[in-house]
C-alpha atoms as a PDB file:
ATOM      1  CA  MET A   1       0.032  -8.691  -8.805  1.00  0.00           C
ATOM      2  CA  LYS A   2      -1.909  -9.164  -5.581  1.00  0.00           C
ATOM      3  CA  ILE A   3      -0.602  -8.157  -2.156  1.00  0.00           C
ATOM      4  CA  SER A   4      -3.141  -8.878   0.562  1.00  0.00           C
ATOM      5  CA  LEU A   5      -3.023  -7.650   4.139  1.00  0.00           C
ATOM      6  CA  SER A   6      -5.234  -8.925   6.929  1.00  0.00           C
ATOM      7  CA  LEU A   7      -5.191  -7.495  10.450  1.00  0.00           C
ATOM      8  CA  SER A   8      -6.812  -9.382  13.307  1.00  0.00           C
ATOM      9  CA  ARG A   9      -6.795  -6.208  15.376  1.00  0.00           C
ATOM     10  CA  LYS A  10      -5.421  -2.691  15.434  1.00  0.00           C
ATOM     11  CA  PRO A  11      -3.414  -2.316  18.653  1.00  0.00           C
ATOM     12  CA  ARG A  12      -3.321   1.017  20.447  1.00  0.00           C
ATOM     13  CA  LEU A  13       0.354   1.868  20.787  1.00  0.00           C
ATOM     14  CA  LYS A  14       2.412   4.688  22.262  1.00  0.00           C
ATOM     15  CA  LYS A  15       4.833   6.385  19.866  1.00  0.00           C
ATOM     16  CA  PRO A  16       5.460   3.069  18.061  1.00  0.00           C
ATOM     17  CA  VAL A  17       8.747   2.135  16.431  1.00  0.00           C
ATOM     18  CA  LEU A  18       8.698  -0.261  13.465  1.00  0.00           C
ATOM     19  CA  ILE A  19      11.387  -2.921  13.054  1.00  0.00           C
ATOM     20  CA  CYS A  20      11.473  -4.896   9.798  1.00  0.00           C
ATOM     21  CA  ALA A  21      13.678  -7.899   9.044  1.00  0.00           C
ATOM     22  CA  TRP A  22      14.202 -10.352   6.196  1.00  0.00           C
ATOM     23  CA  PRO A  23      16.690 -13.195   5.686  1.00  0.00           C
ATOM     24  CA  GLY A  24      20.043 -11.992   4.405  1.00  0.00           C
ATOM     25  CA  MET A  25      23.787 -12.202   4.819  1.00  0.00           C
ATOM     26  CA  GLY A  26      24.704 -13.941   8.077  1.00  0.00           C
ATOM     27  CA  GLU A  27      20.954 -13.994   8.847  1.00  0.00           C
ATOM     28  CA  VAL A  28      21.826 -11.041  11.098  1.00  0.00           C
ATOM     29  CA  ALA A  29      18.569  -9.139  10.676  1.00  0.00           C
ATOM     30  CA  PHE A  30      16.114 -12.031  10.513  1.00  0.00           C
ATOM     31  CA  LYS A  31      17.514 -13.925  13.511  1.00  0.00           C
ATOM     32  CA  LEU A  32      17.477 -10.707  15.542  1.00  0.00           C
ATOM     33  CA  GLY A  33      13.849 -10.126  14.611  1.00  0.00           C
ATOM     34  CA  LEU A  34      12.936 -13.678  15.595  1.00  0.00           C
ATOM     35  CA  TYR A  35      14.751 -13.287  18.905  1.00  0.00           C
ATOM     36  CA  LEU A  36      12.851 -10.088  19.713  1.00  0.00           C
ATOM     37  CA  ARG A  37       9.553 -11.756  18.832  1.00  0.00           C
ATOM     38  CA  ASP A  38      10.182 -14.842  20.946  1.00  0.00           C
ATOM     39  CA  LYS A  39      11.890 -13.311  23.984  1.00  0.00           C
ATOM     40  CA  LEU A  40       9.441 -10.435  24.318  1.00  0.00           C
ATOM     41  CA  LYS A  41       6.495 -12.771  23.668  1.00  0.00           C
ATOM     42  CA  MET A  42       5.146 -10.407  21.037  1.00  0.00           C
ATOM     43  CA  GLU A  43       1.531 -10.656  19.940  1.00  0.00           C
ATOM     44  CA  GLU A  44       0.756 -11.347  16.285  1.00  0.00           C
ATOM     45  CA  PHE A  45      -1.839  -9.051  14.747  1.00  0.00           C
ATOM     46  CA  GLY A  46      -1.416  -9.148  10.976  1.00  0.00           C
ATOM     47  CA  THR A  47      -0.414 -11.194   7.925  1.00  0.00           C
ATOM     48  CA  LEU A  48       0.904 -10.007   4.572  1.00  0.00           C
ATOM     49  CA  LEU A  49       0.612 -12.378   1.612  1.00  0.00           C
ATOM     50  CA  ALA A  50       1.982 -11.856  -1.892  1.00  0.00           C
ATOM     51  CA  PRO A  51       2.421 -15.312  -3.493  1.00  0.00           C
ATOM     52  CA  GLU A  52       3.171 -13.889  -6.950  1.00  0.00           C
ATOM     53  CA  LEU A  53       6.239 -12.147  -5.517  1.00  0.00           C
ATOM     54  CA  PHE A  54       7.682 -15.396  -4.185  1.00  0.00           C
ATOM     55  CA  PRO A  55       7.592 -17.966  -7.024  1.00  0.00           C
ATOM     56  CA  PRO A  56       8.993 -21.346  -5.936  1.00  0.00           C
ATOM     57  CA  THR A  57      12.329 -22.364  -7.463  1.00  0.00           C
ATOM     58  CA  GLY A  58      12.483 -25.856  -6.000  1.00  0.00           C
ATOM     59  CA  ILE A  59      10.648 -28.346  -3.825  1.00  0.00           C
ATOM     60  CA  TRP A  60      10.724 -29.574  -0.243  1.00  0.00           C
ATOM     61  CA  ILE A  61      10.594 -33.267   0.573  1.00  0.00           C
ATOM     62  CA  GLU A  62       8.924 -34.279   3.822  1.00  0.00           C
ATOM     63  CA  ASN A  63       8.247 -37.912   4.759  1.00  0.00           C
ATOM     64  CA  ASN A  64       9.237 -38.948   1.219  1.00  0.00           C
ATOM     65  CA  LEU A  65       6.605 -36.682  -0.333  1.00  0.00           C
ATOM     66  CA  VAL A  66       7.130 -33.668  -2.580  1.00  0.00           C
ATOM     67  CA  GLN A  67       5.745 -30.295  -1.514  1.00  0.00           C
ATOM     68  CA  LEU A  68       6.042 -26.796  -2.894  1.00  0.00           C
ATOM     69  CA  PRO A  69       7.621 -24.404  -0.381  1.00  0.00           C
ATOM     70  CA  LYS A  70       5.391 -21.739   1.121  1.00  0.00           C
ATOM     71  CA  ALA A  71       7.621 -18.686   1.197  1.00  0.00           C
ATOM     72  CA  GLY A  72       7.039 -15.008   1.660  1.00  0.00           C
ATOM     73  CA  ILE A  73       4.551 -15.078   4.519  1.00  0.00           C
ATOM     74  CA  GLY A  74       4.938 -11.780   6.357  1.00  0.00           C
ATOM     75  CA  LYS A  75       3.759 -11.342   9.932  1.00  0.00           C
ATOM     76  CA  PHE A  76       3.157  -8.241  12.055  1.00  0.00           C
ATOM     77  CA  TYR A  77       3.748  -8.348  15.819  1.00  0.00           C
ATOM     78  CA  PHE A  78       3.532  -5.766  18.577  1.00  0.00           C
ATOM     79  CA  TYR A  79       4.959  -5.330  22.063  1.00  0.00           C
ATOM     80  CA  LYS A  80       3.942  -2.809  24.715  1.00  0.00           C
ATOM     81  CA  ASN A  81       7.243  -1.578  26.106  1.00  0.00           C
ATOM     82  CA  LYS A  82       6.802  -0.821  29.806  1.00  0.00           C
ATOM     83  CA  THR A  83      10.386   0.372  30.314  1.00  0.00           C
ATOM     84  CA  GLY A  84      10.691   2.734  27.332  1.00  0.00           C
ATOM     85  CA  SER A  85       8.839   5.595  25.688  1.00  0.00           C
ATOM     86  CA  SER A  86       8.014   3.651  22.519  1.00  0.00           C
ATOM     87  CA  ASP A  87       6.089   0.450  21.885  1.00  0.00           C
ATOM     88  CA  LEU A  88       7.418  -1.916  19.228  1.00  0.00           C
ATOM     89  CA  VAL A  89       5.948  -3.167  15.971  1.00  0.00           C
ATOM     90  CA  VAL A  90       7.932  -5.916  14.246  1.00  0.00           C
ATOM     91  CA  PHE A  91       7.422  -7.158  10.697  1.00  0.00           C
ATOM     92  CA  LEU A  92       9.086 -10.461   9.770  1.00  0.00           C
ATOM     93  CA  SER A  93       9.094 -12.347   6.484  1.00  0.00           C
ATOM     94  CA  ASP A  94      10.820 -15.667   5.823  1.00  0.00           C
ATOM     95  CA  ALA A  95      11.987 -14.591   2.340  1.00  0.00           C
ATOM     96  CA  GLN A  96      12.699 -11.527   0.220  1.00  0.00           C
ATOM     97  CA  PRO A  97      10.334 -10.774  -2.682  1.00  0.00           C
ATOM     98  CA  LEU A  98      11.253 -10.280  -6.335  1.00  0.00           C
ATOM     99  CA  LEU A  99      13.146  -6.993  -6.510  1.00  0.00           C
ATOM    100  CA  GLU A 100      11.131  -5.701  -9.481  1.00  0.00           C
ATOM    101  CA  HIS A 101       8.044  -5.663  -7.235  1.00  0.00           C
ATOM    102  CA  ALA A 102       9.795  -4.733  -3.992  1.00  0.00           C
ATOM    103  CA  TYR A 103       8.617  -1.115  -4.101  1.00  0.00           C
ATOM    104  CA  GLU A 104       4.919  -2.034  -4.042  1.00  0.00           C
ATOM    105  CA  TYR A 105       5.619  -4.632  -1.362  1.00  0.00           C
ATOM    106  CA  CYS A 106       7.377  -2.050   0.834  1.00  0.00           C
ATOM    107  CA  LYS A 107       4.588   0.428   0.183  1.00  0.00           C
ATOM    108  CA  LYS A 108       1.997  -1.977   1.596  1.00  0.00           C
ATOM    109  CA  ILE A 109       3.990  -2.352   4.816  1.00  0.00           C
ATOM    110  CA  LEU A 110       4.489   1.406   5.089  1.00  0.00           C
ATOM    111  CA  LEU A 111       0.778   2.120   4.647  1.00  0.00           C
ATOM    112  CA  THR A 112       0.179  -0.137   7.646  1.00  0.00           C
ATOM    113  CA  ALA A 113       2.919   1.697   9.537  1.00  0.00           C
ATOM    114  CA  LYS A 114       1.245   5.012   8.744  1.00  0.00           C
ATOM    115  CA  ASP A 115      -2.103   3.698   9.963  1.00  0.00           C
ATOM    116  CA  LEU A 116      -0.442   2.618  13.235  1.00  0.00           C
ATOM    117  CA  LYS A 117       1.163   6.074  13.561  1.00  0.00           C
ATOM    118  CA  VAL A 118       4.707   4.687  13.504  1.00  0.00           C
ATOM    119  CA  TYR A 119       7.127   7.551  14.023  1.00  0.00           C
ATOM    120  CA  ARG A 120      10.482   5.847  13.440  1.00  0.00           C
ATOM    121  CA  ILE A 121      11.751   2.786  11.554  1.00  0.00           C
ATOM    122  CA  PHE A 122      14.787   0.576  12.136  1.00  0.00           C
ATOM    123  CA  SER A 123      16.319  -2.056   9.890  1.00  0.00           C
ATOM    124  CA  PHE A 124      19.376  -4.264  10.365  1.00  0.00           C
ATOM    125  CA  ALA A 125      22.002  -5.793   8.123  1.00  0.00           C
ATOM    126  CA  ALA A 126      25.408  -7.453   8.086  1.00  0.00           C
ATOM    127  CA  MET A 127      28.642  -5.629   7.314  1.00  0.00           C
ATOM    128  CA  PRO A 128      31.385  -7.992   6.068  1.00  0.00           C
ATOM    129  CA  GLN A 129      34.790  -6.918   7.312  1.00  0.00           C
ATOM    130  CA  PRO A 130      38.339  -8.386   7.251  1.00  0.00           C
ATOM    131  CA  ILE A 131      38.158  -9.316  10.939  1.00  0.00           C
ATOM    132  CA  ASP A 132      38.748 -12.492  12.932  1.00  0.00           C
ATOM    133  CA  HIS A 133      35.744 -14.449  14.178  1.00  0.00           C
ATOM    134  CA  THR A 134      36.931 -14.099  17.795  1.00  0.00           C
ATOM    135  CA  LEU A 135      36.663 -10.292  17.780  1.00  0.00           C
ATOM    136  CA  GLU A 136      33.616  -8.454  19.048  1.00  0.00           C
ATOM    137  CA  SER A 137      31.254  -7.277  16.339  1.00  0.00           C
ATOM    138  CA  GLN A 138      31.155  -3.504  15.967  1.00  0.00           C
ATOM    139  CA  VAL A 139      27.920  -1.814  14.915  1.00  0.00           C
ATOM    140  CA  TRP A 140      27.770   0.769  12.152  1.00  0.00           C
ATOM    141  CA  PHE A 141      24.797   2.967  11.333  1.00  0.00           C
ATOM    142  CA  CYS A 142      23.311   5.326   8.787  1.00  0.00           C
ATOM    143  CA  ALA A 143      20.151   7.426   9.040  1.00  0.00           C
ATOM    144  CA  THR A 144      17.529   8.917   6.748  1.00  0.00           C
ATOM    145  CA  ASN A 145      18.194  12.497   7.856  1.00  0.00           C
ATOM    146  CA  LYS A 146      20.870  14.541   9.597  1.00  0.00           C
ATOM    147  CA  LYS A 147      18.709  15.248  12.641  1.00  0.00           C
ATOM    148  CA  LEU A 148      18.367  11.550  13.490  1.00  0.00           C
ATOM    149  CA  PHE A 149      21.993  10.892  12.574  1.00  0.00           C
ATOM    150  CA  ASP A 150      23.158  13.584  15.005  1.00  0.00           C
ATOM    151  CA  GLU A 151      20.780  12.291  17.683  1.00  0.00           C
ATOM    152  CA  LEU A 152      22.091   8.726  17.454  1.00  0.00           C
ATOM    153  CA  ASN A 153      25.665   9.957  17.236  1.00  0.00           C
ATOM    154  CA  SER A 154      25.279  11.939  20.462  1.00  0.00           C
ATOM    155  CA  LEU A 155      23.939   9.086  22.604  1.00  0.00           C
ATOM    156  CA  ASN A 156      27.312   7.402  23.237  1.00  0.00           C
ATOM    157  CA  LEU A 157      25.986   4.004  22.201  1.00  0.00           C
ATOM    158  CA  GLY A 158      29.310   3.057  20.650  1.00  0.00           C
ATOM    159  CA  LEU A 159      27.935   3.219  17.108  1.00  0.00           C
ATOM    160  CA  LYS A 160      30.259   3.811  14.153  1.00  0.00           C
ATOM    161  CA  SER A 161      28.958   6.047  11.380  1.00  0.00           C
ATOM    162  CA  LEU A 162      28.806   4.696   7.843  1.00  0.00           C
ATOM    163  CA  SER A 163      29.664   7.658   5.618  1.00  0.00           C
ATOM    164  CA  ALA A 164      29.463   5.801   2.289  1.00  0.00           C
ATOM    165  CA  GLY A 165      28.550   2.376   0.921  1.00  0.00           C
ATOM    166  CA  GLN A 166      25.395   0.415   0.221  1.00  0.00           C
ATOM    167  CA  VAL A 167      23.001  -1.951   1.974  1.00  0.00           C
ATOM    168  CA  SER A 168      21.648  -4.500  -0.491  1.00  0.00           C
ATOM    169  CA  GLY A 169      18.377  -6.401  -0.346  1.00  0.00           C
ATOM    170  CA  LEU A 170      15.152  -5.542   1.452  1.00  0.00           C
ATOM    171  CA  ASN A 171      16.894  -4.837   4.758  1.00  0.00           C
ATOM    172  CA  GLY A 172      18.412  -1.803   3.039  1.00  0.00           C
ATOM    173  CA  LEU A 173      15.896  -0.960   0.326  1.00  0.00           C
ATOM    174  CA  PHE A 174      12.969  -0.790   2.737  1.00  0.00           C
ATOM    175  CA  LEU A 175      14.522   2.105   4.636  1.00  0.00           C
ATOM    176  CA  GLY A 176      15.065   4.016   1.387  1.00  0.00           C
ATOM    177  CA  VAL A 177      11.417   3.601   0.418  1.00  0.00           C
ATOM    178  CA  ALA A 178      10.388   4.583   3.954  1.00  0.00           C
ATOM    179  CA  LYS A 179      12.348   7.830   3.613  1.00  0.00           C
ATOM    180  CA  GLU A 180      10.547   8.575   0.350  1.00  0.00           C
ATOM    181  CA  PHE A 181       7.238   8.114   2.188  1.00  0.00           C
ATOM    182  CA  GLY A 182       8.233  10.639   4.845  1.00  0.00           C
ATOM    183  CA  PHE A 183       9.363   8.273   7.612  1.00  0.00           C
ATOM    184  CA  GLU A 184      12.623   8.729   9.455  1.00  0.00           C
ATOM    185  CA  GLY A 185      14.746   5.786  10.436  1.00  0.00           C
ATOM    186  CA  ALA A 186      18.140   4.174  10.688  1.00  0.00           C
ATOM    187  CA  CYS A 187      19.915   1.003   9.666  1.00  0.00           C
ATOM    188  CA  PHE A 188      22.236  -0.767  12.113  1.00  0.00           C
ATOM    189  CA  LEU A 189      24.886  -2.983  10.529  1.00  0.00           C
ATOM    190  CA  GLY A 190      26.724  -5.631  12.548  1.00  0.00           C
ATOM    191  CA  GLU A 191      30.229  -6.619  11.493  1.00  0.00           C
ATOM    192  CA  ILE A 192      30.789 -10.200  10.363  1.00  0.00           C
ATOM    193  CA  PRO A 193      34.072 -11.798   9.187  1.00  0.00           C
ATOM    194  CA  LEU A 194      34.403 -11.981   5.413  1.00  0.00           C
ATOM    195  CA  PHE A 195      34.943 -15.740   5.544  1.00  0.00           C
ATOM    196  CA  THR A 196      31.646 -16.374   7.360  1.00  0.00           C
ATOM    197  CA  ILE A 197      29.172 -14.476   5.184  1.00  0.00           C
ATOM    198  CA  GLN A 198      27.122 -17.611   4.487  1.00  0.00           C
ATOM    199  CA  MET A 199      26.990 -18.751   8.112  1.00  0.00           C
ATOM    200  CA  ASP A 200      24.532 -17.586  10.747  1.00  0.00           C
ATOM    201  CA  ASN A 201      26.204 -14.881  12.805  1.00  0.00           C
ATOM    202  CA  PRO A 202      24.466 -14.501  16.175  1.00  0.00           C
ATOM    203  CA  LYS A 203      27.392 -12.404  17.448  1.00  0.00           C
ATOM    204  CA  ALA A 204      26.487  -9.611  15.018  1.00  0.00           C
ATOM    205  CA  SER A 205      22.791  -9.906  15.916  1.00  0.00           C
ATOM    206  CA  LEU A 206      23.707  -9.684  19.595  1.00  0.00           C
ATOM    207  CA  ALA A 207      25.860  -6.595  19.049  1.00  0.00           C
ATOM    208  CA  ILE A 208      22.984  -4.799  17.325  1.00  0.00           C
ATOM    209  CA  LEU A 209      20.478  -5.908  19.963  1.00  0.00           C
ATOM    210  CA  ASN A 210      22.671  -4.520  22.737  1.00  0.00           C
ATOM    211  CA  LYS A 211      22.650  -1.104  21.031  1.00  0.00           C
ATOM    212  CA  LEU A 212      18.950  -1.248  20.217  1.00  0.00           C
ATOM    213  CA  SER A 213      17.874  -2.273  23.718  1.00  0.00           C
ATOM    214  CA  ARG A 214      19.779   0.673  25.193  1.00  0.00           C
ATOM    215  CA  LEU A 215      18.358   3.074  22.634  1.00  0.00           C
ATOM    216  CA  LEU A 216      14.729   1.982  23.044  1.00  0.00           C
ATOM    217  CA  ARG A 217      15.063   0.944  26.694  1.00  0.00           C
ATOM    218  CA  ILE A 218      13.939  -2.595  26.064  1.00  0.00           C
ATOM    219  CA  ASP A 219      14.246  -4.960  29.009  1.00  0.00           C
ATOM    220  CA  ILE A 220      15.263  -8.190  27.271  1.00  0.00           C
ATOM    221  CA  ASP A 221      17.246 -11.265  28.279  1.00  0.00           C
ATOM    222  CA  VAL A 222      20.115 -11.681  25.788  1.00  0.00           C
ATOM    223  CA  SER A 223      21.577 -14.862  27.321  1.00  0.00           C
ATOM    224  CA  GLY A 224      20.173 -17.084  24.554  1.00  0.00           C
ATOM    225  CA  LEU A 225      21.766 -15.029  21.797  1.00  0.00           C
ATOM    226  CA  THR A 226      24.992 -14.782  23.811  1.00  0.00           C
ATOM    227  CA  GLN A 227      25.145 -18.568  24.094  1.00  0.00           C
ATOM    228  CA  SER A 228      24.484 -18.987  20.371  1.00  0.00           C
ATOM    229  CA  ALA A 229      27.327 -16.586  19.591  1.00  0.00           C
ATOM    230  CA  LYS A 230      29.731 -18.547  21.800  1.00  0.00           C
ATOM    231  CA  LEU A 231      28.734 -21.862  20.234  1.00  0.00           C
ATOM    232  CA  MET A 232      29.252 -20.529  16.714  1.00  0.00           C
ATOM    233  CA  GLU A 233      32.698 -19.208  17.644  1.00  0.00           C
ATOM    234  CA  GLN A 234      33.605 -22.594  19.130  1.00  0.00           C
ATOM    235  CA  GLU A 235      32.448 -24.409  15.982  1.00  0.00           C
ATOM    236  CA  ILE A 236      34.625 -22.224  13.778  1.00  0.00           C
ATOM    237  CA  ASP A 237      37.554 -22.796  16.167  1.00  0.00           C
ATOM    238  CA  LYS A 238      37.070 -26.567  15.830  1.00  0.00           C
ATOM    239  CA  ILE A 239      37.058 -26.385  12.040  1.00  0.00           C
ATOM    240  CA  ILE A 240      40.255 -24.350  11.960  1.00  0.00           C
ATOM    241  CA  GLU A 241      41.923 -26.550  14.591  1.00  0.00           C
ATOM    242  CA  PHE A 242      41.040 -29.683  12.623  1.00  0.00           C
ATOM    243  CA  ILE A 243      42.338 -28.289   9.356  1.00  0.00           C
ATOM    244  CA  GLN A 244      45.559 -27.155  11.021  1.00  0.00           C
ATOM    245  CA  GLN A 245      46.433 -30.806  11.600  1.00  0.00           C
ATOM    246  CA  ILE A 246      46.239 -31.612   7.881  1.00  0.00           C
ATOM    247  CA  PRO A 247      49.721 -31.687   6.301  1.00  0.00           C
ATOM    248  CA  SER A 248      50.314 -28.856   3.875  1.00  0.00           C
ATOM    249  CA  GLU A 249      51.513 -29.257   0.290  1.00  0.00           C
ATOM    250  CA  ALA A 250      54.955 -28.097   1.370  1.00  0.00           C
ATOM    251  CA  GLY A 251      55.465 -31.220   3.464  1.00  0.00           C
ATOM    252  CA  PRO A 252      54.384 -32.938   6.673  1.00  0.00           C
ATOM    253  CA  GLY A 253      53.339 -31.039   9.754  1.00  0.00           C
ATOM    254  CA  PRO A 254      50.691 -28.455  10.640  1.00  0.00           C
ATOM    255  CA  ILE A 255      49.764 -25.897   7.993  1.00  0.00           C
ATOM    256  CA  GLY A 256      50.973 -22.336   8.374  1.00  0.00           C
ATOM    257  CA  GLN A 257      49.168 -19.057   8.887  1.00  0.00           C
ATOM    258  CA  ASP A 258      48.963 -18.374   5.142  1.00  0.00           C
ATOM    259  CA  GLU A 259      47.045 -21.602   4.639  1.00  0.00           C
ATOM    260  CA  ILE A 260      44.781 -20.800   7.586  1.00  0.00           C
ATOM    261  CA  ASP A 261      43.983 -17.413   6.042  1.00  0.00           C
ATOM    262  CA  LYS A 262      43.143 -19.111   2.746  1.00  0.00           C
ATOM    263  CA  ILE A 263      40.891 -21.552   4.587  1.00  0.00           C
ATOM    264  CA  LYS A 264      39.074 -18.702   6.294  1.00  0.00           C
ATOM    265  CA  LYS A 265      38.504 -16.967   2.971  1.00  0.00           C
ATOM    266  CA  SER A 266      37.185 -20.150   1.394  1.00  0.00           C
ATOM    267  CA  LEU A 267      35.010 -21.242   4.331  1.00  0.00           C
ATOM    268  CA  SER A 268      32.134 -19.258   2.892  1.00  0.00           C
ATOM    269  CA  LEU A 269      32.160 -21.546  -0.154  1.00  0.00           C
ATOM    270  CA  GLN A 270      31.827 -24.605   2.070  1.00  0.00           C
ATOM    271  CA  THR A 271      29.009 -23.332   4.267  1.00  0.00           C
ATOM    272  CA  LYS A 272      25.308 -23.232   3.639  1.00  0.00           C
ATOM    273  CA  LEU A 273      23.932 -20.556   1.363  1.00  0.00           C
ATOM    274  CA  PRO A 274      20.696 -19.162   2.862  1.00  0.00           C
ATOM    275  CA  GLN A 275      17.689 -20.751   1.173  1.00  0.00           C
ATOM    276  CA  SER A 276      16.216 -17.385   0.216  1.00  0.00           C
ATOM    277  CA  ALA A 277      19.445 -16.396  -1.566  1.00  0.00           C
ATOM    278  CA  ARG A 278      19.736 -19.724  -3.381  1.00  0.00           C
ATOM    279  CA  GLU A 279      16.125 -19.512  -4.565  1.00  0.00           C
ATOM    280  CA  LYS A 280      16.715 -15.998  -5.877  1.00  0.00           C
ATOM    281  CA  ILE A 281      19.842 -17.124  -7.768  1.00  0.00           C
ATOM    282  CA  GLU A 282      18.029 -20.112  -9.270  1.00  0.00           C
ATOM    283  CA  LYS A 283      15.196 -17.871 -10.433  1.00  0.00           C
ATOM    284  CA  LEU A 284      17.605 -15.452 -12.112  1.00  0.00           C
ATOM    285  CA  PHE A 285      19.226 -18.100 -14.327  1.00  0.00           C
ATOM    286  CA  PRO A 286      16.167 -18.723 -16.567  1.00  0.00           C
ATOM    287  CA  GLU A 287      15.429 -14.977 -16.577  1.00  0.00           C
ATOM    288  CA  VAL A 288      18.925 -14.238 -17.902  1.00  0.00           C
ATOM    289  CA  LYS A 289      18.511 -16.959 -20.518  1.00  0.00           C
ATOM    290  CA  SER A 290      15.499 -15.133 -21.957  1.00  0.00           C
ATOM    291  CA  ASN A 291      16.798 -11.620 -21.221  1.00  0.00           C
ATOM    292  CA  ILE A 292      20.590 -11.356 -21.246  1.00  0.00           C
ATOM    293  CA  SER A 293      20.455  -7.793 -19.883  1.00  0.00           C
ATOM    294  CA  LYS A 294      19.753  -9.332 -16.472  1.00  0.00           C
ATOM    295  CA  ALA A 295      23.170 -11.023 -16.437  1.00  0.00           C
ATOM    296  CA  ALA A 296      24.662  -8.127 -14.484  1.00  0.00           C
ATOM    297  CA  GLU A 297      22.065  -8.574 -11.729  1.00  0.00           C
ATOM    298  CA  LEU A 298      22.831 -12.297 -11.525  1.00  0.00           C
ATOM    299  CA  LYS A 299      26.585 -11.642 -11.403  1.00  0.00           C
ATOM    300  CA  ARG A 300      26.114  -9.103  -8.600  1.00  0.00           C
ATOM    301  CA  GLU A 301      24.095 -11.631  -6.613  1.00  0.00           C
ATOM    302  CA  LEU A 302      26.742 -14.348  -7.073  1.00  0.00           C
ATOM    303  CA  ASP A 303      29.530 -11.963  -6.069  1.00  0.00           C
ATOM    304  CA  HIS A 304      27.498 -10.663  -3.139  1.00  0.00           C
ATOM    305  CA  TRP A 305      27.346 -14.167  -1.641  1.00  0.00           C
ATOM    306  CA  ASN A 306      30.845 -15.082  -2.828  1.00  0.00           C
ATOM    307  CA  VAL A 307      29.539 -18.112  -4.734  1.00  0.00           C
ATOM    308  CA  TYR A 308      30.495 -17.215  -8.290  1.00  0.00           C
ATOM    309  CA  LYS A 309      32.955 -20.139  -8.475  1.00  0.00           C
ATOM    310  CA  GLU A 310      30.178 -22.539  -7.525  1.00  0.00           C
ATOM    311  CA  TYR A 311      28.003 -21.295 -10.400  1.00  0.00           C
ATOM    312  CA  GLU A 312      30.730 -20.241 -12.853  1.00  0.00           C
ATOM    313  CA  ASP A 313      30.114 -22.933 -15.492  1.00  0.00           C
ATOM    314  CA  ARG A 314      26.365 -22.335 -15.532  1.00  0.00           C
ATOM    315  CA  PHE A 315      26.873 -18.581 -15.693  1.00  0.00           C
ATOM    316  CA  LEU A 316      29.289 -18.767 -18.643  1.00  0.00           C
ATOM    317  CA  ASP A 317      26.997 -21.216 -20.457  1.00  0.00           C
ATOM    318  CA  LEU A 318      24.414 -18.446 -20.636  1.00  0.00           C
ATOM    319  CA  PHE A 319      26.622 -16.607 -23.118  1.00  0.00           C
ATOM    320  CA  LYS A 320      27.321 -19.553 -25.422  1.00  0.00           C
ATOM    321  CA  LYS A 321      25.631 -19.433 -28.813  1.00  0.00           C
ATOM    322  CA  PRO A 322      23.583 -22.532 -29.713  1.00  0.00           C
ATOM    323  CA  LYS A 323      25.122 -24.904 -32.228  1.00  0.00           C
ATOM    324  CA  ALA A 324      23.750 -24.963 -35.783  1.00  0.00           C
ATOM    325  CA  SER A 325      21.916 -28.248 -35.127  1.00  0.00           C
ATOM    326  CA  GLU A 326      20.294 -26.775 -32.025  1.00  0.00           C
ATOM    327  CA  GLU A 327      19.263 -23.646 -33.949  1.00  0.00           C
ATOM    328  CA  LYS A 328      17.530 -25.805 -36.566  1.00  0.00           C
ATOM    329  CA  LYS A 329      15.598 -27.596 -33.844  1.00  0.00           C
ATOM    330  CA  LEU A 330      14.511 -24.272 -32.388  1.00  0.00           C
ATOM    331  CA  ASN A 331      13.384 -23.108 -35.800  1.00  0.00           C
END
């Protein structure tokens, strides 16, 4: 397994804070990382490559021609923060690596962080909640130690403490590995409606950014993210308004609130599953076929994205014994 890091320069930074983000539920973390990079005009200074950790599970077609996707390219960026006490280092990757090698992958990033004298790390994630899409997204947090938890809790940022639970994927795991390596940090989780977990949620990204910019004293224009959040809310409104006009099974006329609630719950099944999640699911199927003990991991992933129904037949087929004729062929 080869993980290669190349740095074009080693920036001199004041009390740097590291922010890491990968694609995930609602694309909350990754889209926030991209927004920081673009709006602050961050400078790229490093690339992390680990092709063995990102095996392709499909193809892209461009101009009628087949191409293998190039996933898992990680980039380091920095920003000299003139309005705050800490400069920023941001690491972004367009996909999450295989979980069985995630520890070594995280370690490589953290060794770079140590070399840059990073003193604090932040990660972001989505927090699905039974809320309406028109409500403001609240931000929850957890920290790697009580000292930082108490510090963040005392700043009146409007953060809600997460006393128990889990943060799945690299956006959560990375912070746990960072703690093991002696770094302190926190994870900010933006609320998203349960029925929108497969849709981009700029409102949650915006809510986290508002807290982060106050905490780190970052002077950043949030109008672009604000506009994206409004547009997404309007699109969901249009979908619900359109469906309300469809006669219900009970008879003609607009559907009732019960049907609307069912539609909201099932919207996630009709929206786009992030490419990184779909690739991970597709990779797990053949792994389970050769090693049935991995079925639990596949089931967790399907439940996590609320797409078990979409894959139910394929999942159950994994447990079917081959017919006698098929066994003879195999033998």
